[in-house]
C-alpha atoms as a PDB file:
ATOM      1  CA  MET A   1      -5.528 -74.141 -74.916  1.00  0.00           C
ATOM      2  CA  HIS A   2      -4.685 -71.572 -72.339  1.00  0.00           C
ATOM      3  CA  SER A   3      -8.131 -70.212 -71.615  1.00  0.00           C
ATOM      4  CA  LEU A   4     -11.764 -71.018 -72.106  1.00  0.00           C
ATOM      5  CA  SER A   5     -12.516 -68.045 -74.361  1.00  0.00           C
ATOM      6  CA  LEU A   6     -14.553 -68.559 -77.510  1.00  0.00           C
ATOM      7  CA  SER A   7     -11.666 -67.664 -79.822  1.00  0.00           C
ATOM      8  CA  GLU A   8      -9.548 -70.459 -78.324  1.00  0.00           C
ATOM      9  CA  TRP A   9     -12.280 -73.017 -79.013  1.00  0.00           C
ATOM     10  CA  ILE A  10     -12.778 -71.771 -82.569  1.00  0.00           C
ATOM     11  CA  SER A  11      -9.038 -72.087 -83.192  1.00  0.00           C
ATOM     12  CA  ALA A  12      -9.036 -75.598 -81.742  1.00  0.00           C
ATOM     13  CA  VAL A  13     -11.846 -76.664 -84.081  1.00  0.00           C
ATOM     14  CA  SER A  14     -10.014 -75.283 -87.123  1.00  0.00           C
ATOM     15  CA  TYR A  15      -6.789 -77.078 -86.144  1.00  0.00           C
ATOM     16  CA  LEU A  16      -8.727 -80.299 -85.590  1.00  0.00           C
ATOM     17  CA  GLY A  17     -10.325 -80.005 -89.023  1.00  0.00           C
ATOM     18  CA  GLY A  18      -6.997 -79.315 -90.693  1.00  0.00           C
ATOM     19  CA  GLY A  19      -5.381 -82.225 -88.903  1.00  0.00           C
ATOM     20  CA  LEU A  20      -8.131 -84.579 -90.012  1.00  0.00           C
ATOM     21  CA  VAL A  21      -7.864 -83.440 -93.635  1.00  0.00           C
ATOM     22  CA  PHE A  22      -4.082 -83.849 -93.688  1.00  0.00           C
ATOM     23  CA  SER A  23      -4.372 -87.263 -92.020  1.00  0.00           C
ATOM     24  CA  ILE A  24      -6.888 -88.488 -94.586  1.00  0.00           C
ATOM     25  CA  ILE A  25      -4.732 -87.235 -97.460  1.00  0.00           C
ATOM     26  CA  TYR A  26      -1.665 -88.906 -95.958  1.00  0.00           C
ATOM     27  CA  VAL A  27      -3.392 -92.255 -95.450  1.00  0.00           C
ATOM     28  CA  LYS A  28      -4.819 -92.261 -98.987  1.00  0.00           C
ATOM     29  CA  GLU A  29      -1.473 -91.336-100.547  1.00  0.00           C
ATOM     30  CA  LYS A  30       0.533 -93.663 -98.279  1.00  0.00           C
ATOM     31  CA  GLU A  31      -0.639 -96.626-100.350  1.00  0.00           C
ATOM     32  CA  LYS A  32       1.033 -95.036-103.385  1.00  0.00           C
ATOM     33  CA  GLU A  33       4.123 -94.163-101.320  1.00  0.00           C
ATOM     34  CA  ASN A  34       3.733 -90.531-102.351  1.00  0.00           C
ATOM     35  CA  ILE A  35       4.513 -88.031 -99.590  1.00  0.00           C
ATOM     36  CA  TYR A  36       4.643 -85.095-102.015  1.00  0.00           C
ATOM     37  CA  TYR A  37       0.876 -84.637-102.349  1.00  0.00           C
ATOM     38  CA  PRO A  38       0.270 -84.014 -98.614  1.00  0.00           C
ATOM     39  CA  LEU A  39       3.318 -81.731 -98.564  1.00  0.00           C
ATOM     40  CA  LEU A  40       1.975 -79.779-101.537  1.00  0.00           C
ATOM     41  CA  VAL A  41      -1.418 -79.350 -99.866  1.00  0.00           C
ATOM     42  CA  HIS A  42       0.307 -78.132 -96.700  1.00  0.00           C
ATOM     43  CA  ILE A  43       2.459 -75.650 -98.632  1.00  0.00           C
ATOM     44  CA  LEU A  44      -0.562 -74.327-100.532  1.00  0.00           C
ATOM     45  CA  GLY A  45      -2.507 -73.879 -97.295  1.00  0.00           C
ATOM     46  CA  ASN A  46       0.342 -71.964 -95.692  1.00  0.00           C
ATOM     47  CA  SER A  47       0.807 -69.852 -98.823  1.00  0.00           C
ATOM     48  CA  LEU A  48      -2.870 -68.935 -98.861  1.00  0.00           C
ATOM     49  CA  SER A  49      -2.742 -67.908 -95.204  1.00  0.00           C
ATOM     50  CA  PHE A  50       0.383 -65.849 -95.830  1.00  0.00           C
ATOM     51  CA  MET A  51      -1.170 -64.069 -98.822  1.00  0.00           C
ATOM     52  CA  ILE A  52      -4.286 -63.229 -96.805  1.00  0.00           C
ATOM     53  CA  LEU A  53      -2.091 -61.852 -94.022  1.00  0.00           C
ATOM     54  CA  VAL A  54      -0.068 -59.703 -96.433  1.00  0.00           C
ATOM     55  CA  ILE A  55      -3.139 -58.386 -98.257  1.00  0.00           C
ATOM     56  CA  SER A  56      -4.945 -57.563 -95.020  1.00  0.00           C
ATOM     57  CA  ASN A  57      -1.972 -55.470 -93.833  1.00  0.00           C
ATOM     58  CA  MET A  58      -1.816 -53.313 -96.985  1.00  0.00           C
END
């Protein structure tokens, strides 16, 4: 974080939450030796963000 503004803290919380979710998914799927499920969740999350960005700029 480069400053102490509120938006920086909100972003940090969202990244922390996302990191925890991806870590939990990875640990649960690691037992099955399946890396594709966490990758799929990551791709879907990025796709959703991209679609929101595109729609908001129309």
